[in-house]
Amino acid sequence: FVANVSHEIRTPLTVLGGFVETLQTLPLNDDERARYLELMAQQARRMQTLVSDLLTLSRLEGSPPPGTSEWIPVSQLMAQCEQDGRDLSLMLVTQTHDMHFLQDGPCEL
């Protein structure tokens, strides 16, 4: 796991380092400079996504398992599922999905 994460972080860092060196050493016109800066921004976003995913994974791994002797109202569980779905959607795309779970009558799990 750590080796995979290290590789995933090292790759965009290497790309960024190369672009920084290019911008520092080569005389570039405005279009070339803008192209390199956009590629650098893409790599930075890639690293931000990876770090966000790692933080989510860490949060999920650190969550205590639900108790087996506790009853949870379905409405509360479904509300949490809706919120988790929206949060995950925002991690994947820039817009949220409109999702709602409907419950027909009181129920517990």
C-alpha atoms as a PDB file:
ATOM      1  CA  PHE A   1       0.000   0.000   0.000  1.00  0.00           C
ATOM      2  CA  VAL A   2       2.675   2.492   1.026  1.00  0.00           C
ATOM      3  CA  ALA A   3       4.701   1.689  -2.103  1.00  0.00           C
ATOM      4  CA  ASN A   4       1.665   2.351  -4.306  1.00  0.00           C
ATOM      5  CA  VAL A   5       0.882   5.623  -2.552  1.00  0.00           C
ATOM      6  CA  SER A   6       4.522   6.705  -2.770  1.00  0.00           C
ATOM      7  CA  HIS A   7       4.523   6.001  -6.503  1.00  0.00           C
ATOM      8  CA  GLU A   8       1.250   7.873  -7.005  1.00  0.00           C
ATOM      9  CA  ILE A   9       2.651  10.926  -5.201  1.00  0.00           C
ATOM     10  CA  ARG A  10       6.134  10.721  -6.720  1.00  0.00           C
ATOM     11  CA  THR A  11       4.862  10.752 -10.323  1.00  0.00           C
ATOM     12  CA  PRO A  12       3.097  14.147 -10.221  1.00  0.00           C
ATOM     13  CA  LEU A  13       5.924  15.578  -8.098  1.00  0.00           C
ATOM     14  CA  THR A  14       8.442  14.520 -10.735  1.00  0.00           C
ATOM     15  CA  VAL A  15       6.312  16.092 -13.466  1.00  0.00           C
ATOM     16  CA  LEU A  16       5.967  19.314 -11.466  1.00  0.00           C
ATOM     17  CA  GLY A  17       9.722  19.415 -10.817  1.00  0.00           C
ATOM     18  CA  GLY A  18      10.432  19.035 -14.520  1.00  0.00           C
ATOM     19  CA  PHE A  19       8.032  21.817 -15.445  1.00  0.00           C
ATOM     20  CA  VAL A  20       9.460  24.147 -12.793  1.00  0.00           C
ATOM     21  CA  GLU A  21      12.968  23.511 -14.126  1.00  0.00           C
ATOM     22  CA  THR A  22      11.755  24.170 -17.676  1.00  0.00           C
ATOM     23  CA  LEU A  23      10.096  27.435 -16.667  1.00  0.00           C
ATOM     24  CA  GLN A  24      13.244  28.528 -14.829  1.00  0.00           C
ATOM     25  CA  THR A  25      15.745  27.714 -17.576  1.00  0.00           C
ATOM     26  CA  LEU A  26      14.107  28.047 -20.986  1.00  0.00           C
ATOM     27  CA  PRO A  27      12.922  31.241 -22.648  1.00  0.00           C
ATOM     28  CA  LEU A  28       9.273  30.481 -23.394  1.00  0.00           C
ATOM     29  CA  ASN A  29       6.641  32.519 -25.151  1.00  0.00           C
ATOM     30  CA  ASP A  30       3.355  33.249 -23.366  1.00  0.00           C
ATOM     31  CA  ASP A  31       1.480  30.330 -24.978  1.00  0.00           C
ATOM     32  CA  GLU A  32       4.153  27.796 -24.022  1.00  0.00           C
ATOM     33  CA  ARG A  33       4.341  29.172 -20.495  1.00  0.00           C
ATOM     34  CA  ALA A  34       0.549  28.983 -20.148  1.00  0.00           C
ATOM     35  CA  ARG A  35       0.563  25.381 -21.414  1.00  0.00           C
ATOM     36  CA  TYR A  36       3.214  24.350 -18.881  1.00  0.00           C
ATOM     37  CA  LEU A  37       1.385  26.120 -16.064  1.00  0.00           C
ATOM     38  CA  GLU A  38      -1.867  24.332 -16.958  1.00  0.00           C
ATOM     39  CA  LEU A  39      -0.084  20.963 -16.932  1.00  0.00           C
ATOM     40  CA  MET A  40       1.407  21.834 -13.548  1.00  0.00           C
ATOM     41  CA  ALA A  41      -2.054  22.735 -12.240  1.00  0.00           C
ATOM     42  CA  GLN A  42      -3.381  19.359 -13.457  1.00  0.00           C
ATOM     43  CA  GLN A  43      -0.652  17.513 -11.559  1.00  0.00           C
ATOM     44  CA  ALA A  44      -1.304  19.584  -8.432  1.00  0.00           C
ATOM     45  CA  ARG A  45      -5.020  18.703  -8.629  1.00  0.00           C
ATOM     46  CA  ARG A  46      -4.064  15.050  -9.039  1.00  0.00           C
ATOM     47  CA  MET A  47      -2.028  15.185  -5.825  1.00  0.00           C
ATOM     48  CA  GLN A  48      -4.826  17.027  -4.002  1.00  0.00           C
ATOM     49  CA  THR A  49      -7.287  14.314  -5.010  1.00  0.00           C
ATOM     50  CA  LEU A  50      -4.912  11.595  -3.856  1.00  0.00           C
ATOM     51  CA  VAL A  51      -4.388  13.264  -0.476  1.00  0.00           C
ATOM     52  CA  SER A  52      -8.147  13.764  -0.090  1.00  0.00           C
ATOM     53  CA  ASP A  53      -8.719  10.084  -0.879  1.00  0.00           C
ATOM     54  CA  LEU A  54      -6.071   9.086   1.675  1.00  0.00           C
ATOM     55  CA  LEU A  55      -7.721  11.236   4.343  1.00  0.00           C
ATOM     56  CA  THR A  56     -11.111   9.678   3.570  1.00  0.00           C
ATOM     57  CA  LEU A  57      -9.607   6.196   3.767  1.00  0.00           C
ATOM     58  CA  SER A  58      -7.976   7.072   7.072  1.00  0.00           C
ATOM     59  CA  ARG A  59     -11.289   8.347   8.449  1.00  0.00           C
ATOM     60  CA  LEU A  60     -13.108   5.209   7.314  1.00  0.00           C
ATOM     61  CA  GLU A  61     -10.469   2.885   8.746  1.00  0.00           C
ATOM     62  CA  GLY A  62     -10.573   4.735  12.067  1.00  0.00           C
ATOM     63  CA  SER A  63     -14.338   4.563  12.417  1.00  0.00           C
ATOM     64  CA  PRO A  64     -15.519   2.173  15.097  1.00  0.00           C
ATOM     65  CA  PRO A  65     -17.739  -0.651  13.866  1.00  0.00           C
ATOM     66  CA  PRO A  66     -21.419  -0.172  14.640  1.00  0.00           C
ATOM     67  CA  GLY A  67     -22.667  -1.871  17.778  1.00  0.00           C
ATOM     68  CA  THR A  68     -24.741  -4.984  17.242  1.00  0.00           C
ATOM     69  CA  SER A  69     -27.014  -4.273  20.191  1.00  0.00           C
ATOM     70  CA  GLU A  70     -28.012  -0.775  19.038  1.00  0.00           C
ATOM     71  CA  TRP A  71     -31.159  -0.043  17.067  1.00  0.00           C
ATOM     72  CA  ILE A  72     -30.913   2.776  14.540  1.00  0.00           C
ATOM     73  CA  PRO A  73     -33.935   4.483  13.000  1.00  0.00           C
ATOM     74  CA  VAL A  74     -33.933   3.887   9.251  1.00  0.00           C
ATOM     75  CA  SER A  75     -34.553   7.593   8.616  1.00  0.00           C
ATOM     76  CA  GLN A  76     -31.317   8.466  10.450  1.00  0.00           C
ATOM     77  CA  LEU A  77     -29.382   5.792   8.539  1.00  0.00           C
ATOM     78  CA  MET A  78     -30.792   6.932   5.197  1.00  0.00           C
ATOM     79  CA  ALA A  79     -30.005  10.589   5.966  1.00  0.00           C
ATOM     80  CA  GLN A  80     -26.391   9.596   6.674  1.00  0.00           C
ATOM     81  CA  CYS A  81     -26.267   7.590   3.426  1.00  0.00           C
ATOM     82  CA  GLU A  82     -27.581  10.605   1.486  1.00  0.00           C
ATOM     83  CA  GLN A  83     -24.943  12.877   3.012  1.00  0.00           C
ATOM     84  CA  ASP A  84     -22.137  10.355   2.431  1.00  0.00           C
ATOM     85  CA  GLY A  85     -23.284   9.960  -1.179  1.00  0.00           C
ATOM     86  CA  ARG A  86     -23.211  13.727  -1.720  1.00  0.00           C
ATOM     87  CA  ASP A  87     -19.751  13.981  -0.117  1.00  0.00           C
ATOM     88  CA  LEU A  88     -18.388  11.191  -2.302  1.00  0.00           C
ATOM     89  CA  SER A  89     -19.992  12.731  -5.377  1.00  0.00           C
ATOM     90  CA  LEU A  90     -18.254  16.052  -4.703  1.00  0.00           C
ATOM     91  CA  MET A  91     -14.928  14.220  -4.464  1.00  0.00           C
ATOM     92  CA  LEU A  92     -15.444  12.776  -7.942  1.00  0.00           C
ATOM     93  CA  VAL A  93     -17.115  15.659  -9.785  1.00  0.00           C
ATOM     94  CA  THR A  94     -17.537  19.371  -9.244  1.00  0.00           C
ATOM     95  CA  GLN A  95     -21.325  19.188  -8.954  1.00  0.00           C
ATOM     96  CA  THR A  96     -23.441  17.337  -6.449  1.00  0.00           C
ATOM     97  CA  HIS A  97     -26.088  14.830  -7.390  1.00  0.00           C
ATOM     98  CA  ASP A  98     -29.617  15.363  -6.170  1.00  0.00           C
ATOM     99  CA  MET A  99     -30.408  12.188  -4.275  1.00  0.00           C
ATOM    100  CA  HIS A 100     -33.088  11.420  -1.742  1.00  0.00           C
ATOM    101  CA  PHE A 101     -34.174   8.199  -0.081  1.00  0.00           C
ATOM    102  CA  LEU A 102     -37.844   7.802   0.686  1.00  0.00           C
ATOM    103  CA  GLN A 103     -39.062   5.876   3.701  1.00  0.00           C
ATOM    104  CA  ASP A 104     -42.554   4.504   3.955  1.00  0.00           C
ATOM    105  CA  GLY A 105     -43.421   4.419   7.643  1.00  0.00           C
ATOM    106  CA  PRO A 106     -41.280   4.061  10.792  1.00  0.00           C
ATOM    107  CA  CYS A 107     -38.691   1.324  10.885  1.00  0.00           C
ATOM    108  CA  GLU A 108     -35.530   0.426  12.794  1.00  0.00           C
ATOM    109  CA  LEU A 109     -32.475  -1.640  11.949  1.00  0.00           C
END
